[in-house]
């Protein structure tokens, strides 16, 4: 039996970090990504090049193409474990083009689940999103909350993926974990998400856009903590489970901007704009379930994560981030747009 782990979305932020850690612990890794142009493809190509150097095999193609995906499984001797991080991300873009989100998120996930089922999958984990909680007025979001009222097509597709996944567990006994990420940030982060975008623009003296009065808040989670949760869920299959993976300590947007100003050493030039449709006022993860079942324990406070992000930016990415952020000015869902918040990240 092959020990290969398939990582989809490996060219992206969370997917590339996850694949890197898996390779570092000696796993055989096959990466799938279509390398779309949601943001600068040069960033994605660099991520893939680094993974290939570390020993990953890379397959470029569309996850909705069943023949292509089956070909990967055949080439890799029927992998039994899947880390499905590929998705079309972004709250606001999903409002503009919902059809592509249904295809990229729901259809692709269903194809993967069906092939994994046929090949006897042992463990299947995938990226859901804290956006499924919609405009909940609760102080803390828990996995047992009702999430039947999404406020964006993106969130609706993530909820739909959870429903399809539960169906596959019910019918075929598959071990599946749906991971609700809360605003992931860190080195190699998506250039269209607020943490890297703010660091880049404030560093360059370029205005940032703040949607709303700055009181909105997000549960920002450092990438190392997210990857730890992903791997723990992969290594501990327990039927069908939904896990919040967050930090559990929200930060207000205005405080976030002040912290970036402090680390960058420059004041922000802020353009105030009205609240955006589809954005939610607050996210905060109840991570007690992941703590109990996975021993998940986020270790990086938001301030420390921003310090690490700024250090990485200054050392490796100054010019590239500037070009990428200017080329693609969208926001995302488990994250914050130029200045609201939302919360996921294209894996």
C-alpha atoms as a PDB file:
ATOM      1  CA  UNK A   1       0.000   0.000   0.000  1.00  0.00           C
ATOM      2  CA  UNK A   2       1.308   3.412  -0.968  1.00  0.00           C
ATOM      3  CA  UNK A   3       2.155   5.792   1.844  1.00  0.00           C
ATOM      4  CA  UNK A   4       1.793   8.818  -0.412  1.00  0.00           C
ATOM      5  CA  UNK A   5      -0.226  11.764   0.874  1.00  0.00           C
ATOM      6  CA  UNK A   6      -2.038  13.849  -1.745  1.00  0.00           C
ATOM      7  CA  UNK A   7      -2.025  17.587  -1.007  1.00  0.00           C
ATOM      8  CA  UNK A   8      -4.293  19.658  -3.220  1.00  0.00           C
ATOM      9  CA  UNK A   9      -3.777  23.388  -3.492  1.00  0.00           C
ATOM     10  CA  UNK A  10      -0.087  22.871  -2.837  1.00  0.00           C
ATOM     11  CA  UNK A  11       0.846  25.986  -4.781  1.00  0.00           C
ATOM     12  CA  UNK A  12      -1.124  28.115  -2.358  1.00  0.00           C
ATOM     13  CA  UNK A  13      -0.455  29.450   1.095  1.00  0.00           C
ATOM     14  CA  UNK A  14      -1.737  26.802   3.504  1.00  0.00           C
ATOM     15  CA  UNK A  15      -1.234  23.943   1.061  1.00  0.00           C
ATOM     16  CA  UNK A  16       2.432  24.722   0.425  1.00  0.00           C
ATOM     17  CA  UNK A  17       3.213  25.058   4.141  1.00  0.00           C
ATOM     18  CA  UNK A  18       1.404  21.797   4.886  1.00  0.00           C
ATOM     19  CA  UNK A  19       3.224  19.916   2.132  1.00  0.00           C
ATOM     20  CA  UNK A  20       6.541  21.327   3.341  1.00  0.00           C
ATOM     21  CA  UNK A  21       6.005  20.064   6.875  1.00  0.00           C
ATOM     22  CA  UNK A  22       4.873  16.660   5.603  1.00  0.00           C
ATOM     23  CA  UNK A  23       8.023  16.365   3.500  1.00  0.00           C
ATOM     24  CA  UNK A  24      10.071  17.441   6.497  1.00  0.00           C
ATOM     25  CA  UNK A  25       8.767  14.533   8.532  1.00  0.00           C
ATOM     26  CA  UNK A  26       9.667  12.081   5.782  1.00  0.00           C
ATOM     27  CA  UNK A  27       6.321  11.602   4.058  1.00  0.00           C
ATOM     28  CA  UNK A  28       5.886  10.874   0.362  1.00  0.00           C
ATOM     29  CA  UNK A  29       3.900  13.803  -1.026  1.00  0.00           C
ATOM     30  CA  UNK A  30       2.048  14.337  -4.303  1.00  0.00           C
ATOM     31  CA  UNK A  31       0.887  17.902  -4.896  1.00  0.00           C
ATOM     32  CA  UNK A  32      -2.021  18.841  -7.164  1.00  0.00           C
ATOM     33  CA  UNK A  33      -2.780  22.416  -8.215  1.00  0.00           C
ATOM     34  CA  UNK A  34      -4.260  24.077 -11.287  1.00  0.00           C
ATOM     35  CA  UNK A  35      -2.162  27.234 -10.638  1.00  0.00           C
ATOM     36  CA  UNK A  36      -4.971  29.646 -11.477  1.00  0.00           C
ATOM     37  CA  UNK A  37      -4.517  33.400 -11.638  1.00  0.00           C
ATOM     38  CA  UNK A  38      -6.599  34.373  -8.603  1.00  0.00           C
ATOM     39  CA  UNK A  39      -3.373  36.059  -7.527  1.00  0.00           C
ATOM     40  CA  UNK A  40       0.128  36.330  -9.003  1.00  0.00           C
ATOM     41  CA  UNK A  41       1.018  32.925 -10.444  1.00  0.00           C
ATOM     42  CA  UNK A  42       4.708  33.668  -9.912  1.00  0.00           C
ATOM     43  CA  UNK A  43       4.170  33.291  -6.180  1.00  0.00           C
ATOM     44  CA  UNK A  44       2.499  29.919  -6.733  1.00  0.00           C
ATOM     45  CA  UNK A  45       5.205  28.701  -9.111  1.00  0.00           C
ATOM     46  CA  UNK A  46       7.864  29.568  -6.546  1.00  0.00           C
ATOM     47  CA  UNK A  47       6.004  27.581  -3.884  1.00  0.00           C
ATOM     48  CA  UNK A  48       5.812  24.551  -6.160  1.00  0.00           C
ATOM     49  CA  UNK A  49       9.483  24.834  -7.138  1.00  0.00           C
ATOM     50  CA  UNK A  50      10.501  24.740  -3.477  1.00  0.00           C
ATOM     51  CA  UNK A  51       8.324  21.691  -2.785  1.00  0.00           C
ATOM     52  CA  UNK A  52       9.727  19.840  -5.786  1.00  0.00           C
ATOM     53  CA  UNK A  53      13.242  20.571  -4.514  1.00  0.00           C
ATOM     54  CA  UNK A  54      12.219  18.922  -1.248  1.00  0.00           C
ATOM     55  CA  UNK A  55      11.003  15.817  -3.059  1.00  0.00           C
ATOM     56  CA  UNK A  56       7.327  16.381  -3.846  1.00  0.00           C
ATOM     57  CA  UNK A  57       5.817  15.231  -7.136  1.00  0.00           C
ATOM     58  CA  UNK A  58       3.740  17.914  -8.808  1.00  0.00           C
ATOM     59  CA  UNK A  59       0.648  17.386 -10.958  1.00  0.00           C
ATOM     60  CA  UNK A  60      -0.872  20.438 -12.627  1.00  0.00           C
ATOM     61  CA  UNK A  61      -4.536  20.180 -13.525  1.00  0.00           C
ATOM     62  CA  UNK A  62      -8.193  20.769 -12.698  1.00  0.00           C
ATOM     63  CA  UNK A  63      -9.647  18.775  -9.798  1.00  0.00           C
ATOM     64  CA  UNK A  64     -13.010  18.753 -11.580  1.00  0.00           C
ATOM     65  CA  UNK A  65     -11.393  16.668 -14.338  1.00  0.00           C
ATOM     66  CA  UNK A  66     -12.040  13.185 -12.998  1.00  0.00           C
ATOM     67  CA  UNK A  67      -9.800  11.454 -15.534  1.00  0.00           C
ATOM     68  CA  UNK A  68      -6.898  13.700 -14.532  1.00  0.00           C
ATOM     69  CA  UNK A  69      -7.378  13.034 -10.817  1.00  0.00           C
ATOM     70  CA  UNK A  70      -7.722   9.281 -11.382  1.00  0.00           C
ATOM     71  CA  UNK A  71      -4.465   9.450 -13.318  1.00  0.00           C
ATOM     72  CA  UNK A  72      -2.731  10.965 -10.302  1.00  0.00           C
ATOM     73  CA  UNK A  73      -4.054   8.175  -8.083  1.00  0.00           C
ATOM     74  CA  UNK A  74      -2.813   5.567 -10.554  1.00  0.00           C
ATOM     75  CA  UNK A  75       0.609   7.192 -10.855  1.00  0.00           C
ATOM     76  CA  UNK A  76       0.913   7.377  -7.078  1.00  0.00           C
ATOM     77  CA  UNK A  77      -0.248   3.781  -6.445  1.00  0.00           C
ATOM     78  CA  UNK A  78      -3.621   4.705  -4.921  1.00  0.00           C
ATOM     79  CA  UNK A  79      -2.862   7.132  -2.065  1.00  0.00           C
ATOM     80  CA  UNK A  80      -4.886   6.513   1.086  1.00  0.00           C
ATOM     81  CA  UNK A  81      -4.577   9.945   2.699  1.00  0.00           C
ATOM     82  CA  UNK A  82      -5.749  13.288   1.294  1.00  0.00           C
ATOM     83  CA  UNK A  83      -5.182  16.861   2.464  1.00  0.00           C
ATOM     84  CA  UNK A  84      -7.593  18.875   0.315  1.00  0.00           C
ATOM     85  CA  UNK A  85      -6.597  22.528   0.635  1.00  0.00           C
ATOM     86  CA  UNK A  86      -7.466  23.633  -2.906  1.00  0.00           C
ATOM     87  CA  UNK A  87     -10.390  26.046  -3.161  1.00  0.00           C
ATOM     88  CA  UNK A  88     -11.482  29.250  -4.765  1.00  0.00           C
ATOM     89  CA  UNK A  89     -11.209  31.711  -1.880  1.00  0.00           C
ATOM     90  CA  UNK A  90     -12.553  35.184  -1.242  1.00  0.00           C
ATOM     91  CA  UNK A  91     -15.838  36.520   0.070  1.00  0.00           C
ATOM     92  CA  UNK A  92     -16.188  39.537  -2.187  1.00  0.00           C
ATOM     93  CA  UNK A  93     -15.095  37.906  -5.447  1.00  0.00           C
ATOM     94  CA  UNK A  94     -17.602  35.110  -4.771  1.00  0.00           C
ATOM     95  CA  UNK A  95     -20.417  37.660  -4.816  1.00  0.00           C
ATOM     96  CA  UNK A  96     -19.265  38.817  -8.245  1.00  0.00           C
ATOM     97  CA  UNK A  97     -18.885  35.335  -9.740  1.00  0.00           C
ATOM     98  CA  UNK A  98     -20.653  32.668  -7.652  1.00  0.00           C
ATOM     99  CA  UNK A  99     -20.725  30.036 -10.410  1.00  0.00           C
ATOM    100  CA  UNK A 100     -16.953  29.571 -10.455  1.00  0.00           C
ATOM    101  CA  UNK A 101     -17.036  29.062  -6.662  1.00  0.00           C
ATOM    102  CA  UNK A 102     -19.576  26.264  -6.906  1.00  0.00           C
ATOM    103  CA  UNK A 103     -17.456  24.520  -9.526  1.00  0.00           C
ATOM    104  CA  UNK A 104     -14.067  25.024  -7.882  1.00  0.00           C
ATOM    105  CA  UNK A 105     -15.216  24.260  -4.344  1.00  0.00           C
ATOM    106  CA  UNK A 106     -18.241  21.959  -4.368  1.00  0.00           C
ATOM    107  CA  UNK A 107     -17.712  20.027  -7.599  1.00  0.00           C
ATOM    108  CA  UNK A 108     -13.968  19.554  -7.068  1.00  0.00           C
ATOM    109  CA  UNK A 109     -14.453  18.382  -3.487  1.00  0.00           C
ATOM    110  CA  UNK A 110     -17.109  15.906  -4.580  1.00  0.00           C
ATOM    111  CA  UNK A 111     -14.854  14.458  -7.297  1.00  0.00           C
ATOM    112  CA  UNK A 112     -12.043  14.022  -4.784  1.00  0.00           C
ATOM    113  CA  UNK A 113     -14.285  12.413  -2.190  1.00  0.00           C
ATOM    114  CA  UNK A 114     -15.681  10.003  -4.752  1.00  0.00           C
ATOM    115  CA  UNK A 115     -12.258   8.912  -5.962  1.00  0.00           C
ATOM    116  CA  UNK A 116     -10.948   8.642  -2.407  1.00  0.00           C
ATOM    117  CA  UNK A 117     -13.965   6.489  -1.537  1.00  0.00           C
ATOM    118  CA  UNK A 118     -13.332   4.158  -4.470  1.00  0.00           C
ATOM    119  CA  UNK A 119      -9.651   3.795  -3.539  1.00  0.00           C
ATOM    120  CA  UNK A 120     -10.283   3.006   0.129  1.00  0.00           C
ATOM    121  CA  UNK A 121      -9.302   6.303   1.736  1.00  0.00           C
ATOM    122  CA  UNK A 122      -8.045   6.058   5.309  1.00  0.00           C
ATOM    123  CA  UNK A 123      -8.081   9.772   6.154  1.00  0.00           C
ATOM    124  CA  UNK A 124      -9.474  12.758   4.226  1.00  0.00           C
ATOM    125  CA  UNK A 125      -9.161  16.283   5.595  1.00  0.00           C
ATOM    126  CA  UNK A 126     -10.287  19.425   3.835  1.00  0.00           C
ATOM    127  CA  UNK A 127     -10.399  23.170   4.240  1.00  0.00           C
ATOM    128  CA  UNK A 128     -13.730  24.550   5.312  1.00  0.00           C
ATOM    129  CA  UNK A 129     -13.969  28.093   6.653  1.00  0.00           C
ATOM    130  CA  UNK A 130     -15.062  30.163   9.608  1.00  0.00           C
ATOM    131  CA  UNK A 131     -17.142  32.065   7.060  1.00  0.00           C
ATOM    132  CA  UNK A 132     -19.809  29.380   7.471  1.00  0.00           C
ATOM    133  CA  UNK A 133     -20.756  31.072  10.753  1.00  0.00           C
ATOM    134  CA  UNK A 134     -22.121  34.000   8.719  1.00  0.00           C
ATOM    135  CA  UNK A 135     -23.285  37.024  10.656  1.00  0.00           C
ATOM    136  CA  UNK A 136     -23.630  35.132  13.918  1.00  0.00           C
ATOM    137  CA  UNK A 137     -24.067  37.387  16.940  1.00  0.00           C
ATOM    138  CA  UNK A 138     -22.506  34.832  19.273  1.00  0.00           C
ATOM    139  CA  UNK A 139     -19.404  35.850  21.161  1.00  0.00           C
ATOM    140  CA  UNK A 140     -17.592  32.617  20.310  1.00  0.00           C
ATOM    141  CA  UNK A 141     -18.254  30.273  17.380  1.00  0.00           C
ATOM    142  CA  UNK A 142     -18.572  26.561  18.143  1.00  0.00           C
ATOM    143  CA  UNK A 143     -18.845  23.574  15.830  1.00  0.00           C
ATOM    144  CA  UNK A 144     -22.364  22.782  17.020  1.00  0.00           C
ATOM    145  CA  UNK A 145     -23.703  26.234  16.113  1.00  0.00           C
ATOM    146  CA  UNK A 146     -26.373  26.365  13.418  1.00  0.00           C
ATOM    147  CA  UNK A 147     -24.666  27.465  10.182  1.00  0.00           C
ATOM    148  CA  UNK A 148     -27.621  27.445   7.813  1.00  0.00           C
ATOM    149  CA  UNK A 149     -27.526  31.144   6.959  1.00  0.00           C
ATOM    150  CA  UNK A 150     -24.394  31.976   4.937  1.00  0.00           C
ATOM    151  CA  UNK A 151     -23.899  35.592   3.901  1.00  0.00           C
ATOM    152  CA  UNK A 152     -21.756  35.005   0.808  1.00  0.00           C
ATOM    153  CA  UNK A 153     -21.558  32.439  -2.006  1.00  0.00           C
ATOM    154  CA  UNK A 154     -18.088  31.512  -0.750  1.00  0.00           C
ATOM    155  CA  UNK A 155     -19.455  30.604   2.677  1.00  0.00           C
ATOM    156  CA  UNK A 156     -22.332  28.720   1.072  1.00  0.00           C
ATOM    157  CA  UNK A 157     -19.933  26.559  -0.939  1.00  0.00           C
ATOM    158  CA  UNK A 158     -17.939  25.702   2.175  1.00  0.00           C
ATOM    159  CA  UNK A 159     -21.088  24.688   4.030  1.00  0.00           C
ATOM    160  CA  UNK A 160     -22.089  22.622   0.987  1.00  0.00           C
ATOM    161  CA  UNK A 161     -18.730  20.835   1.061  1.00  0.00           C
ATOM    162  CA  UNK A 162     -19.302  19.910   4.696  1.00  0.00           C
ATOM    163  CA  UNK A 163     -22.709  18.461   3.822  1.00  0.00           C
ATOM    164  CA  UNK A 164     -21.352  16.421   0.901  1.00  0.00           C
ATOM    165  CA  UNK A 165     -18.495  15.166   3.091  1.00  0.00           C
ATOM    166  CA  UNK A 166     -20.893  14.069   5.811  1.00  0.00           C
ATOM    167  CA  UNK A 167     -22.912  12.191   3.209  1.00  0.00           C
ATOM    168  CA  UNK A 168     -19.821  10.265   2.102  1.00  0.00           C
ATOM    169  CA  UNK A 169     -19.057   9.405   5.708  1.00  0.00           C
ATOM    170  CA  UNK A 170     -22.630   8.250   6.286  1.00  0.00           C
ATOM    171  CA  UNK A 171     -22.790   6.116   3.146  1.00  0.00           C
ATOM    172  CA  UNK A 172     -19.296   4.702   3.049  1.00  0.00           C
ATOM    173  CA  UNK A 173     -17.852   5.077   6.535  1.00  0.00           C
ATOM    174  CA  UNK A 174     -15.089   7.423   5.396  1.00  0.00           C
ATOM    175  CA  UNK A 175     -12.906   9.218   7.933  1.00  0.00           C
ATOM    176  CA  UNK A 176     -13.288  12.900   7.079  1.00  0.00           C
ATOM    177  CA  UNK A 177     -12.318  16.071   8.938  1.00  0.00           C
ATOM    178  CA  UNK A 178     -13.709  19.463   7.914  1.00  0.00           C
ATOM    179  CA  UNK A 179     -11.417  22.215   9.157  1.00  0.00           C
ATOM    180  CA  UNK A 180     -12.905  25.641   9.756  1.00  0.00           C
ATOM    181  CA  UNK A 181      -9.918  27.958   9.454  1.00  0.00           C
ATOM    182  CA  UNK A 182      -9.911  31.340  11.146  1.00  0.00           C
ATOM    183  CA  UNK A 183      -7.995  34.085   9.301  1.00  0.00           C
ATOM    184  CA  UNK A 184      -4.701  32.427   8.544  1.00  0.00           C
ATOM    185  CA  UNK A 185      -1.588  34.586   8.115  1.00  0.00           C
ATOM    186  CA  UNK A 186       2.188  34.327   8.042  1.00  0.00           C
ATOM    187  CA  UNK A 187       5.192  34.116   5.700  1.00  0.00           C
ATOM    188  CA  UNK A 188       4.289  33.313   2.068  1.00  0.00           C
ATOM    189  CA  UNK A 189       0.753  34.457   2.839  1.00  0.00           C
ATOM    190  CA  UNK A 190      -1.691  35.370   0.126  1.00  0.00           C
ATOM    191  CA  UNK A 191      -0.874  38.841  -1.251  1.00  0.00           C
ATOM    192  CA  UNK A 192      -4.577  39.731  -1.435  1.00  0.00           C
ATOM    193  CA  UNK A 193      -5.167  39.162   2.285  1.00  0.00           C
ATOM    194  CA  UNK A 194      -4.930  41.941   4.844  1.00  0.00           C
ATOM    195  CA  UNK A 195      -1.876  40.845   6.900  1.00  0.00           C
ATOM    196  CA  UNK A 196       0.609  40.752   4.005  1.00  0.00           C
ATOM    197  CA  UNK A 197      -1.198  43.503   2.110  1.00  0.00           C
ATOM    198  CA  UNK A 198      -1.037  45.867   5.100  1.00  0.00           C
ATOM    199  CA  UNK A 199       2.611  45.067   5.781  1.00  0.00           C
ATOM    200  CA  UNK A 200       3.468  45.709   2.152  1.00  0.00           C
ATOM    201  CA  UNK A 201       1.476  48.899   1.672  1.00  0.00           C
ATOM    202  CA  UNK A 202       2.412  50.501   4.973  1.00  0.00           C
ATOM    203  CA  UNK A 203       6.067  49.651   4.313  1.00  0.00           C
ATOM    204  CA  UNK A 204       5.863  51.396   0.933  1.00  0.00           C
ATOM    205  CA  UNK A 205       3.831  54.370   2.133  1.00  0.00           C
ATOM    206  CA  UNK A 206       0.848  53.355   0.004  1.00  0.00           C
ATOM    207  CA  UNK A 207      -2.680  53.982   1.351  1.00  0.00           C
ATOM    208  CA  UNK A 208      -4.612  51.067   2.833  1.00  0.00           C
ATOM    209  CA  UNK A 209      -8.394  50.834   2.642  1.00  0.00           C
ATOM    210  CA  UNK A 210     -10.295  50.470   5.905  1.00  0.00           C
ATOM    211  CA  UNK A 211     -13.869  49.284   5.498  1.00  0.00           C
ATOM    212  CA  UNK A 212     -15.977  50.378   8.452  1.00  0.00           C
ATOM    213  CA  UNK A 213     -14.937  52.092  11.672  1.00  0.00           C
ATOM    214  CA  UNK A 214     -12.186  49.636  12.611  1.00  0.00           C
ATOM    215  CA  UNK A 215     -14.176  47.901  15.335  1.00  0.00           C
ATOM    216  CA  UNK A 216     -14.580  44.668  13.375  1.00  0.00           C
ATOM    217  CA  UNK A 217     -12.392  41.872  14.667  1.00  0.00           C
ATOM    218  CA  UNK A 218     -10.882  38.616  13.486  1.00  0.00           C
ATOM    219  CA  UNK A 219      -9.442  35.560  15.117  1.00  0.00           C
ATOM    220  CA  UNK A 220      -6.083  35.619  13.333  1.00  0.00           C
ATOM    221  CA  UNK A 221      -4.223  32.298  13.330  1.00  0.00           C
ATOM    222  CA  UNK A 222      -0.543  31.922  12.517  1.00  0.00           C
ATOM    223  CA  UNK A 223       0.271  29.484   9.718  1.00  0.00           C
ATOM    224  CA  UNK A 224       2.408  27.154  11.869  1.00  0.00           C
ATOM    225  CA  UNK A 225      -0.514  26.603  14.234  1.00  0.00           C
ATOM    226  CA  UNK A 226      -2.897  25.916  11.354  1.00  0.00           C
ATOM    227  CA  UNK A 227      -0.559  23.356   9.782  1.00  0.00           C
ATOM    228  CA  UNK A 228      -0.190  21.654  13.152  1.00  0.00           C
ATOM    229  CA  UNK A 229      -3.975  21.327  13.354  1.00  0.00           C
ATOM    230  CA  UNK A 230      -4.206  20.019   9.779  1.00  0.00           C
ATOM    231  CA  UNK A 231      -1.669  17.278  10.419  1.00  0.00           C
ATOM    232  CA  UNK A 232      -3.174  16.310  13.755  1.00  0.00           C
ATOM    233  CA  UNK A 233      -6.566  15.855  12.087  1.00  0.00           C
ATOM    234  CA  UNK A 234      -4.970  13.809   9.298  1.00  0.00           C
ATOM    235  CA  UNK A 235      -3.089  11.579  11.745  1.00  0.00           C
ATOM    236  CA  UNK A 236      -6.109  10.999  13.997  1.00  0.00           C
ATOM    237  CA  UNK A 237      -9.041   9.966  11.771  1.00  0.00           C
ATOM    238  CA  UNK A 238     -12.245   9.732  13.820  1.00  0.00           C
ATOM    239  CA  UNK A 239     -15.177   9.220  11.488  1.00  0.00           C
ATOM    240  CA  UNK A 240     -16.696  12.550  10.470  1.00  0.00           C
ATOM    241  CA  UNK A 241     -15.533  15.554  12.465  1.00  0.00           C
ATOM    242  CA  UNK A 242     -15.708  19.320  12.139  1.00  0.00           C
ATOM    243  CA  UNK A 243     -12.957  21.272  13.865  1.00  0.00           C
ATOM    244  CA  UNK A 244     -12.436  24.971  14.447  1.00  0.00           C
ATOM    245  CA  UNK A 245      -8.780  25.800  13.890  1.00  0.00           C
ATOM    246  CA  UNK A 246      -8.171  29.279  15.217  1.00  0.00           C
ATOM    247  CA  UNK A 247      -6.320  31.151  17.898  1.00  0.00           C
ATOM    248  CA  UNK A 248      -9.318  31.915  20.121  1.00  0.00           C
ATOM    249  CA  UNK A 249      -8.253  35.522  20.729  1.00  0.00           C
ATOM    250  CA  UNK A 250      -9.721  38.065  18.263  1.00  0.00           C
ATOM    251  CA  UNK A 251      -7.979  41.326  17.346  1.00  0.00           C
ATOM    252  CA  UNK A 252      -9.816  44.503  16.338  1.00  0.00           C
ATOM    253  CA  UNK A 253      -8.970  45.914  12.922  1.00  0.00           C
ATOM    254  CA  UNK A 254      -7.826  49.263  14.331  1.00  0.00           C
ATOM    255  CA  UNK A 255      -5.479  47.445  16.760  1.00  0.00           C
ATOM    256  CA  UNK A 256      -4.220  45.254  13.924  1.00  0.00           C
ATOM    257  CA  UNK A 257      -3.266  48.336  11.899  1.00  0.00           C
ATOM    258  CA  UNK A 258      -1.494  49.911  14.890  1.00  0.00           C
ATOM    259  CA  UNK A 259       0.507  46.739  15.423  1.00  0.00           C
ATOM    260  CA  UNK A 260       1.642  46.658  11.798  1.00  0.00           C
ATOM    261  CA  UNK A 261       2.599  50.337  12.041  1.00  0.00           C
ATOM    262  CA  UNK A 262       4.715  49.543  15.093  1.00  0.00           C
ATOM    263  CA  UNK A 263       6.530  46.612  13.496  1.00  0.00           C
ATOM    264  CA  UNK A 264       7.048  48.329  10.150  1.00  0.00           C
ATOM    265  CA  UNK A 265       8.091  51.590  11.758  1.00  0.00           C
ATOM    266  CA  UNK A 266       5.832  53.775   9.608  1.00  0.00           C
ATOM    267  CA  UNK A 267       2.359  55.290  10.047  1.00  0.00           C
ATOM    268  CA  UNK A 268      -0.433  53.930   7.875  1.00  0.00           C
ATOM    269  CA  UNK A 269      -2.152  56.144   5.335  1.00  0.00           C
ATOM    270  CA  UNK A 270      -5.772  55.076   5.798  1.00  0.00           C
ATOM    271  CA  UNK A 271      -8.606  55.528   3.322  1.00  0.00           C
ATOM    272  CA  UNK A 272     -11.938  55.083   5.126  1.00  0.00           C
ATOM    273  CA  UNK A 273     -14.675  53.234   3.231  1.00  0.00           C
ATOM    274  CA  UNK A 274     -18.135  51.874   4.159  1.00  0.00           C
ATOM    275  CA  UNK A 275     -18.708  48.298   5.304  1.00  0.00           C
ATOM    276  CA  UNK A 276     -18.732  45.740   2.516  1.00  0.00           C
ATOM    277  CA  UNK A 277     -21.526  43.232   1.785  1.00  0.00           C
ATOM    278  CA  UNK A 278     -20.695  39.693   2.785  1.00  0.00           C
ATOM    279  CA  UNK A 279     -18.270  40.681   5.522  1.00  0.00           C
ATOM    280  CA  UNK A 280     -19.025  39.681   9.095  1.00  0.00           C
ATOM    281  CA  UNK A 281     -18.341  41.899  12.129  1.00  0.00           C
ATOM    282  CA  UNK A 282     -16.450  39.425  14.273  1.00  0.00           C
ATOM    283  CA  UNK A 283     -14.949  35.954  14.334  1.00  0.00           C
ATOM    284  CA  UNK A 284     -13.734  34.057  17.385  1.00  0.00           C
ATOM    285  CA  UNK A 285     -13.101  30.332  17.494  1.00  0.00           C
ATOM    286  CA  UNK A 286     -14.102  27.991  20.267  1.00  0.00           C
ATOM    287  CA  UNK A 287     -11.184  25.577  19.872  1.00  0.00           C
ATOM    288  CA  UNK A 288     -12.064  23.321  22.813  1.00  0.00           C
ATOM    289  CA  UNK A 289     -13.053  20.398  20.566  1.00  0.00           C
ATOM    290  CA  UNK A 290      -9.754  20.438  18.666  1.00  0.00           C
ATOM    291  CA  UNK A 291      -7.924  20.775  21.963  1.00  0.00           C
ATOM    292  CA  UNK A 292      -9.721  17.764  23.423  1.00  0.00           C
ATOM    293  CA  UNK A 293      -9.601  15.418  20.428  1.00  0.00           C
ATOM    294  CA  UNK A 294      -6.418  16.533  18.659  1.00  0.00           C
ATOM    295  CA  UNK A 295      -4.360  18.105  21.450  1.00  0.00           C
ATOM    296  CA  UNK A 296      -4.388  21.219  19.276  1.00  0.00           C
ATOM    297  CA  UNK A 297      -2.740  24.123  21.068  1.00  0.00           C
ATOM    298  CA  UNK A 298      -1.943  27.289  19.087  1.00  0.00           C
ATOM    299  CA  UNK A 299       1.349  28.708  20.299  1.00  0.00           C
ATOM    300  CA  UNK A 300       1.808  31.958  18.355  1.00  0.00           C
ATOM    301  CA  UNK A 301       0.165  35.148  19.682  1.00  0.00           C
ATOM    302  CA  UNK A 302      -0.973  37.549  16.971  1.00  0.00           C
ATOM    303  CA  UNK A 303       1.684  40.147  17.838  1.00  0.00           C
ATOM    304  CA  UNK A 304       4.454  37.548  17.537  1.00  0.00           C
ATOM    305  CA  UNK A 305       3.042  36.365  14.223  1.00  0.00           C
ATOM    306  CA  UNK A 306       3.018  39.881  12.790  1.00  0.00           C
ATOM    307  CA  UNK A 307       6.600  40.366  13.953  1.00  0.00           C
ATOM    308  CA  UNK A 308       7.586  37.182  12.093  1.00  0.00           C
ATOM    309  CA  UNK A 309       5.638  38.226   9.005  1.00  0.00           C
ATOM    310  CA  UNK A 310       7.343  41.633   8.877  1.00  0.00           C
ATOM    311  CA  UNK A 311      10.772  40.053   9.348  1.00  0.00           C
ATOM    312  CA  UNK A 312      10.081  37.626   6.507  1.00  0.00           C
ATOM    313  CA  UNK A 313       8.778  40.421   4.280  1.00  0.00           C
ATOM    314  CA  UNK A 314      11.838  42.573   4.903  1.00  0.00           C
ATOM    315  CA  UNK A 315      14.212  39.698   4.214  1.00  0.00           C
ATOM    316  CA  UNK A 316      12.627  37.893   1.303  1.00  0.00           C
ATOM    317  CA  UNK A 317       9.677  39.501  -0.313  1.00  0.00           C
ATOM    318  CA  UNK A 318       9.745  43.265  -0.442  1.00  0.00           C
ATOM    319  CA  UNK A 319       9.686  43.785  -4.201  1.00  0.00           C
ATOM    320  CA  UNK A 320       7.655  40.672  -5.036  1.00  0.00           C
ATOM    321  CA  UNK A 321       4.927  41.439  -2.521  1.00  0.00           C
ATOM    322  CA  UNK A 322       4.647  44.966  -3.849  1.00  0.00           C
ATOM    323  CA  UNK A 323       4.124  43.742  -7.400  1.00  0.00           C
ATOM    324  CA  UNK A 324       1.721  40.979  -6.385  1.00  0.00           C
ATOM    325  CA  UNK A 325      -0.398  43.180  -4.142  1.00  0.00           C
ATOM    326  CA  UNK A 326      -0.706  45.826  -6.844  1.00  0.00           C
ATOM    327  CA  UNK A 327      -1.684  43.209  -9.430  1.00  0.00           C
ATOM    328  CA  UNK A 328      -4.457  41.678  -7.287  1.00  0.00           C
ATOM    329  CA  UNK A 329      -6.301  43.894  -4.866  1.00  0.00           C
ATOM    330  CA  UNK A 330      -9.028  41.531  -3.729  1.00  0.00           C
ATOM    331  CA  UNK A 331      -9.547  40.344  -0.170  1.00  0.00           C
ATOM    332  CA  UNK A 332     -10.579  37.130   1.231  1.00  0.00           C
ATOM    333  CA  UNK A 333     -12.694  35.378   3.528  1.00  0.00           C
ATOM    334  CA  UNK A 334     -10.719  33.957   6.320  1.00  0.00           C
ATOM    335  CA  UNK A 335      -8.889  37.091   6.422  1.00  0.00           C
ATOM    336  CA  UNK A 336      -9.469  40.689   6.117  1.00  0.00           C
ATOM    337  CA  UNK A 337      -9.740  42.607   3.033  1.00  0.00           C
ATOM    338  CA  UNK A 338      -7.889  45.773   2.845  1.00  0.00           C
ATOM    339  CA  UNK A 339      -9.792  46.475   5.887  1.00  0.00           C
ATOM    340  CA  UNK A 340     -12.734  44.664   6.944  1.00  0.00           C
ATOM    341  CA  UNK A 341     -12.392  41.113   7.755  1.00  0.00           C
ATOM    342  CA  UNK A 342     -13.215  37.816   6.610  1.00  0.00           C
ATOM    343  CA  UNK A 343     -11.556  34.553   7.168  1.00  0.00           C
ATOM    344  CA  UNK A 344     -10.003  31.799   5.330  1.00  0.00           C
ATOM    345  CA  UNK A 345      -7.203  31.565   2.988  1.00  0.00           C
ATOM    346  CA  UNK A 346      -6.789  29.881  -0.201  1.00  0.00           C
ATOM    347  CA  UNK A 347      -5.164  26.856   0.986  1.00  0.00           C
END
